[in-house]
PDB file of N, CA and C in Angstrom:
ATOM      1  N   MET A   1      -4.961 -20.957   7.792  1.00  0.00           N
ATOM      2  CA  MET A   1      -5.837 -19.830   7.702  1.00  0.00           C
ATOM      3  C   MET A   1      -6.844 -20.066   6.569  1.00  0.00           C
ATOM      4  N   SER A   2      -8.094 -19.785   6.819  1.00  0.00           N
ATOM      5  CA  SER A   2      -9.112 -20.056   5.818  1.00  0.00           C
ATOM      6  C   SER A   2     -10.216 -19.051   5.855  1.00  0.00           C
ATOM      7  N   GLY A   3     -10.983 -19.035   4.849  1.00  0.00           N
ATOM      8  CA  GLY A   3     -12.218 -18.263   4.823  1.00  0.00           C
ATOM      9  C   GLY A   3     -11.993 -16.773   4.752  1.00  0.00           C
ATOM     10  N   ILE A   4     -12.658 -16.056   5.676  1.00  0.00           N
ATOM     11  CA  ILE A   4     -12.634 -14.596   5.639  1.00  0.00           C
ATOM     12  C   ILE A   4     -11.258 -14.038   5.915  1.00  0.00           C
ATOM     13  N   ALA A   5     -10.527 -14.694   6.806  1.00  0.00           N
ATOM     14  CA  ALA A   5      -9.153 -14.191   7.174  1.00  0.00           C
ATOM     15  C   ALA A   5      -8.224 -14.212   5.966  1.00  0.00           C
ATOM     16  N   ALA A   6      -8.276 -15.287   5.190  1.00  0.00           N
ATOM     17  CA  ALA A   6      -7.419 -15.363   3.991  1.00  0.00           C
ATOM     18  C   ALA A   6      -7.873 -14.335   2.959  1.00  0.00           C
ATOM     19  N   ALA A   7      -9.177 -14.118   2.825  1.00  0.00           N
ATOM     20  CA  ALA A   7      -9.652 -13.125   1.889  1.00  0.00           C
ATOM     21  C   ALA A   7      -9.262 -11.707   2.290  1.00  0.00           C
ATOM     22  N   ALA A   8      -9.338 -11.457   3.591  1.00  0.00           N
ATOM     23  CA  ALA A   8      -8.971 -10.113   4.073  1.00  0.00           C
ATOM     24  C   ALA A   8      -7.475  -9.827   3.805  1.00  0.00           C
ATOM     25  N   LEU A   9      -6.618 -10.857   4.013  1.00  0.00           N
ATOM     26  CA  LEU A   9      -5.177 -10.665   3.777  1.00  0.00           C
ATOM     27  C   LEU A   9      -4.910 -10.482   2.253  1.00  0.00           C
ATOM     28  N   SER A  10      -5.675 -11.193   1.460  1.00  0.00           N
ATOM     29  CA  SER A  10      -5.502 -11.052  -0.028  1.00  0.00           C
ATOM     30  C   SER A  10      -5.949  -9.646  -0.487  1.00  0.00           C
ATOM     31  N   ILE A  11      -7.018  -9.168   0.058  1.00  0.00           N
ATOM     32  CA  ILE A  11      -7.493  -7.829  -0.300  1.00  0.00           C
ATOM     33  C   ILE A  11      -6.495  -6.782   0.201  1.00  0.00           C
ATOM     34  N   ALA A  12      -5.899  -7.006   1.385  1.00  0.00           N
ATOM     35  CA  ALA A  12      -4.905  -6.037   1.875  1.00  0.00           C
ATOM     36  C   ALA A  12      -3.682  -6.017   0.962  1.00  0.00           C
ATOM     37  N   MET A  13      -3.265  -7.139   0.469  1.00  0.00           N
ATOM     38  CA  MET A  13      -2.083  -7.158  -0.420  1.00  0.00           C
ATOM     39  C   MET A  13      -2.389  -6.495  -1.755  1.00  0.00           C
ATOM     40  N   ILE A  14      -3.621  -6.691  -2.265  1.00  0.00           N
ATOM     41  CA  ILE A  14      -4.027  -6.018  -3.508  1.00  0.00           C
ATOM     42  C   ILE A  14      -4.049  -4.501  -3.292  1.00  0.00           C
ATOM     43  N   ALA A  15      -4.589  -4.097  -2.137  1.00  0.00           N
ATOM     44  CA  ALA A  15      -4.633  -2.666  -1.791  1.00  0.00           C
ATOM     45  C   ALA A  15      -3.213  -2.077  -1.666  1.00  0.00           C
ATOM     46  N   ALA A  16      -2.326  -2.849  -1.076  1.00  0.00           N
ATOM     47  CA  ALA A  16      -0.907  -2.410  -0.922  1.00  0.00           C
ATOM     48  C   ALA A  16      -0.249  -2.229  -2.259  1.00  0.00           C
ATOM     49  N   ALA A  17      -0.494  -3.151  -3.186  1.00  0.00           N
ATOM     50  CA  ALA A  17       0.097  -3.041  -4.510  1.00  0.00           C
ATOM     51  C   ALA A  17      -0.447  -1.821  -5.270  1.00  0.00           C
ATOM     52  N   LEU A  18      -1.745  -1.583  -5.123  1.00  0.00           N
ATOM     53  CA  LEU A  18      -2.338  -0.418  -5.816  1.00  0.00           C
ATOM     54  C   LEU A  18      -1.837   0.878  -5.179  1.00  0.00           C
ATOM     55  N   LEU A  19      -1.781   0.907  -3.829  1.00  0.00           N
ATOM     56  CA  LEU A  19      -1.272   2.122  -3.173  1.00  0.00           C
ATOM     57  C   LEU A  19       0.164   2.402  -3.567  1.00  0.00           C
ATOM     58  N   GLY A  20       0.975   1.370  -3.608  1.00  0.00           N
ATOM     59  CA  GLY A  20       2.401   1.568  -3.970  1.00  0.00           C
ATOM     60  C   GLY A  20       2.550   2.046  -5.403  1.00  0.00           C
ATOM     61  N   GLY A  21       1.795   1.444  -6.326  1.00  0.00           N
ATOM     62  CA  GLY A  21       1.896   1.880  -7.708  1.00  0.00           C
ATOM     63  C   GLY A  21       1.422   3.280  -7.943  1.00  0.00           C
ATOM     64  N   VAL A  22       0.274   3.622  -7.391  1.00  0.00           N
ATOM     65  CA  VAL A  22      -0.248   5.002  -7.532  1.00  0.00           C
ATOM     66  C   VAL A  22       0.606   5.984  -6.795  1.00  0.00           C
ATOM     67  N   GLY A  23       1.169   5.554  -5.647  1.00  0.00           N
ATOM     68  CA  GLY A  23       2.061   6.439  -4.850  1.00  0.00           C
ATOM     69  C   GLY A  23       3.307   6.797  -5.671  1.00  0.00           C
ATOM     70  N   PHE A  24       3.917   5.768  -6.279  1.00  0.00           N
ATOM     71  CA  PHE A  24       5.116   6.084  -7.091  1.00  0.00           C
ATOM     72  C   PHE A  24       4.771   6.967  -8.287  1.00  0.00           C
ATOM     73  N   LYS A  25       3.626   6.797  -8.832  1.00  0.00           N
ATOM     74  CA  LYS A  25       3.171   7.662  -9.971  1.00  0.00           C
ATOM     75  C   LYS A  25       3.036   9.084  -9.484  1.00  0.00           C
ATOM     76  N   GLN A  26       2.495   9.283  -8.253  1.00  0.00           N
ATOM     77  CA  GLN A  26       2.362  10.628  -7.698  1.00  0.00           C
ATOM     78  C   GLN A  26       3.720  11.239  -7.385  1.00  0.00           C
ATOM     79  N   ILE A  27       4.635  10.421  -6.908  1.00  0.00           N
ATOM     80  CA  ILE A  27       5.971  10.925  -6.548  1.00  0.00           C
ATOM     81  C   ILE A  27       6.682  11.463  -7.810  1.00  0.00           C
ATOM     82  N   LEU A  28       6.439  10.835  -8.952  1.00  0.00           N
ATOM     83  CA  LEU A  28       7.112  11.266 -10.174  1.00  0.00           C
ATOM     84  C   LEU A  28       6.631  12.594 -10.741  1.00  0.00           C
ATOM     85  N   LYS A  29       5.539  13.125 -10.257  1.00  0.00           N
ATOM     86  CA  LYS A  29       5.069  14.420 -10.663  1.00  0.00           C
ATOM     87  C   LYS A  29       5.974  15.503 -10.065  1.00  0.00           C
ATOM     88  N   LYS A  30       6.728  16.141 -10.932  1.00  0.00           N
ATOM     89  CA  LYS A  30       7.782  17.051 -10.448  1.00  0.00           C
ATOM     90  C   LYS A  30       7.232  18.456 -10.127  1.00  0.00           C
ATOM     91  N   ASP A  31       6.166  18.863 -10.770  1.00  0.00           N
ATOM     92  CA  ASP A  31       5.651  20.233 -10.566  1.00  0.00           C
ATOM     93  C   ASP A  31       4.832  20.402  -9.337  1.00  0.00           C
ATOM     94  N   ASP A  32       4.148  19.378  -8.872  1.00  0.00           N
ATOM     95  CA  ASP A  32       3.176  19.461  -7.779  1.00  0.00           C
ATOM     96  C   ASP A  32       3.786  18.904  -6.492  1.00  0.00           C
ATOM     97  N   LYS A  33       4.111  19.822  -5.569  1.00  0.00           N
ATOM     98  CA  LYS A  33       4.713  19.370  -4.302  1.00  0.00           C
ATOM     99  C   LYS A  33       3.725  18.573  -3.436  1.00  0.00           C
ATOM    100  N   ILE A  34       2.483  18.971  -3.442  1.00  0.00           N
ATOM    101  CA  ILE A  34       1.484  18.285  -2.612  1.00  0.00           C
ATOM    102  C   ILE A  34       1.235  16.869  -3.185  1.00  0.00           C
ATOM    103  N   ALA A  35       1.264  16.707  -4.508  1.00  0.00           N
ATOM    104  CA  ALA A  35       1.101  15.359  -5.047  1.00  0.00           C
ATOM    105  C   ALA A  35       2.265  14.462  -4.668  1.00  0.00           C
ATOM    106  N   ARG A  36       3.434  15.026  -4.600  1.00  0.00           N
ATOM    107  CA  ARG A  36       4.624  14.197  -4.182  1.00  0.00           C
ATOM    108  C   ARG A  36       4.506  13.795  -2.743  1.00  0.00           C
ATOM    109  N   GLN A  37       4.009  14.693  -1.872  1.00  0.00           N
ATOM    110  CA  GLN A  37       3.788  14.335  -0.457  1.00  0.00           C
ATOM    111  C   GLN A  37       2.726  13.289  -0.315  1.00  0.00           C
ATOM    112  N   ARG A  38       1.656  13.407  -1.106  1.00  0.00           N
ATOM    113  CA  ARG A  38       0.599  12.443  -1.111  1.00  0.00           C
ATOM    114  C   ARG A  38       1.134  11.068  -1.574  1.00  0.00           C
ATOM    115  N   GLY A  39       1.996  11.076  -2.588  1.00  0.00           N
ATOM    116  CA  GLY A  39       2.586   9.873  -3.055  1.00  0.00           C
ATOM    117  C   GLY A  39       3.460   9.176  -2.003  1.00  0.00           C
ATOM    118  N   LEU A  40       4.254   9.973  -1.280  1.00  0.00           N
ATOM    119  CA  LEU A  40       5.035   9.425  -0.211  1.00  0.00           C
ATOM    120  C   LEU A  40       4.187   8.780   0.869  1.00  0.00           C
ATOM    121  N   MET A  41       3.066   9.415   1.196  1.00  0.00           N
ATOM    122  CA  MET A  41       2.185   8.865   2.204  1.00  0.00           C
ATOM    123  C   MET A  41       1.528   7.552   1.692  1.00  0.00           C
ATOM    124  N   MET A  42       1.219   7.461   0.413  1.00  0.00           N
ATOM    125  CA  MET A  42       0.669   6.249  -0.145  1.00  0.00           C
ATOM    126  C   MET A  42       1.671   5.134  -0.103  1.00  0.00           C
ATOM    127  N   VAL A  43       2.935   5.390  -0.440  1.00  0.00           N
ATOM    128  CA  VAL A  43       3.959   4.360  -0.352  1.00  0.00           C
ATOM    129  C   VAL A  43       4.186   3.933   1.073  1.00  0.00           C
ATOM    130  N   ALA A  44       4.165   4.872   2.000  1.00  0.00           N
ATOM    131  CA  ALA A  44       4.298   4.524   3.416  1.00  0.00           C
ATOM    132  C   ALA A  44       3.189   3.629   3.874  1.00  0.00           C
ATOM    133  N   MET A  45       1.960   3.941   3.465  1.00  0.00           N
ATOM    134  CA  MET A  45       0.813   3.104   3.804  1.00  0.00           C
ATOM    135  C   MET A  45       0.887   1.736   3.196  1.00  0.00           C
ATOM    136  N   ALA A  46       1.423   1.616   1.996  1.00  0.00           N
ATOM    137  CA  ALA A  46       1.611   0.308   1.384  1.00  0.00           C
ATOM    138  C   ALA A  46       2.597  -0.546   2.136  1.00  0.00           C
ATOM    139  N   ILE A  47       3.700   0.072   2.596  1.00  0.00           N
ATOM    140  CA  ILE A  47       4.671  -0.640   3.394  1.00  0.00           C
ATOM    141  C   ILE A  47       4.068  -1.093   4.714  1.00  0.00           C
ATOM    142  N   ILE A  48       3.280  -0.241   5.359  1.00  0.00           N
ATOM    143  CA  ILE A  48       2.613  -0.612   6.610  1.00  0.00           C
ATOM    144  C   ILE A  48       1.655  -1.766   6.389  1.00  0.00           C
ATOM    145  N   LEU A  49       0.883  -1.740   5.308  1.00  0.00           N
ATOM    146  CA  LEU A  49      -0.057  -2.841   5.007  1.00  0.00           C
ATOM    147  C   LEU A  49       0.664  -4.148   4.805  1.00  0.00           C
ATOM    148  N   ILE A  50       1.761  -4.099   4.044  1.00  0.00           N
ATOM    149  CA  ILE A  50       2.538  -5.318   3.829  1.00  0.00           C
ATOM    150  C   ILE A  50       3.101  -5.858   5.152  1.00  0.00           C
ATOM    151  N   GLY A  51       3.583  -4.960   5.971  1.00  0.00           N
ATOM    152  CA  GLY A  51       4.051  -5.377   7.275  1.00  0.00           C
ATOM    153  C   GLY A  51       2.974  -6.023   8.136  1.00  0.00           C
ATOM    154  N   ASN A  52       1.779  -5.493   8.084  1.00  0.00           N
ATOM    155  CA  ASN A  52       0.662  -6.063   8.813  1.00  0.00           C
ATOM    156  C   ASN A  52       0.316  -7.444   8.297  1.00  0.00           C
ATOM    157  N   VAL A  53       0.323  -7.589   7.009  1.00  0.00           N
ATOM    158  CA  VAL A  53       0.022  -8.929   6.451  1.00  0.00           C
ATOM    159  C   VAL A  53       1.113  -9.904   6.840  1.00  0.00           C
ATOM    160  N   LEU A  54       2.367  -9.503   6.810  1.00  0.00           N
ATOM    161  CA  LEU A  54       3.468 -10.423   7.240  1.00  0.00           C
ATOM    162  C   LEU A  54       3.297 -10.810   8.710  1.00  0.00           C
ATOM    163  N   ILE A  55       2.939  -9.867   9.545  1.00  0.00           N
ATOM    164  CA  ILE A  55       2.727 -10.195  10.970  1.00  0.00           C
ATOM    165  C   ILE A  55       1.604 -11.210  11.134  1.00  0.00           C
ATOM    166  N   TRP A  56       0.506 -10.981  10.462  1.00  0.00           N
ATOM    167  CA  TRP A  56      -0.673 -11.858  10.634  1.00  0.00           C
ATOM    168  C   TRP A  56      -0.453 -13.254  10.015  1.00  0.00           C
ATOM    169  N   THR A  57       0.438 -13.398   9.049  1.00  0.00           N
ATOM    170  CA  THR A  57       0.645 -14.708   8.445  1.00  0.00           C
ATOM    171  C   THR A  57       1.718 -15.521   9.197  1.00  0.00           C
ATOM    172  N   ILE A  58       2.508 -14.881   9.996  1.00  0.00           N
ATOM    173  CA  ILE A  58       3.585 -15.642  10.706  1.00  0.00           C
ATOM    174  C   ILE A  58       3.043 -16.224  12.000  1.00  0.00           C
TER     175      ILE A  58
END
């Protein structure tokens, strides 16, 4: 894999790491129920992105 495809997968992994980190930070907010739901959605999206990258690299 080379060129744009490799760059796209790298950007997807960076985005997944950022989504996961910010998602966990949102989950830890105990007072705001909507922020916790938003955090769970971010973590779910990070897992989906990682799964997509794994599928495309295999």
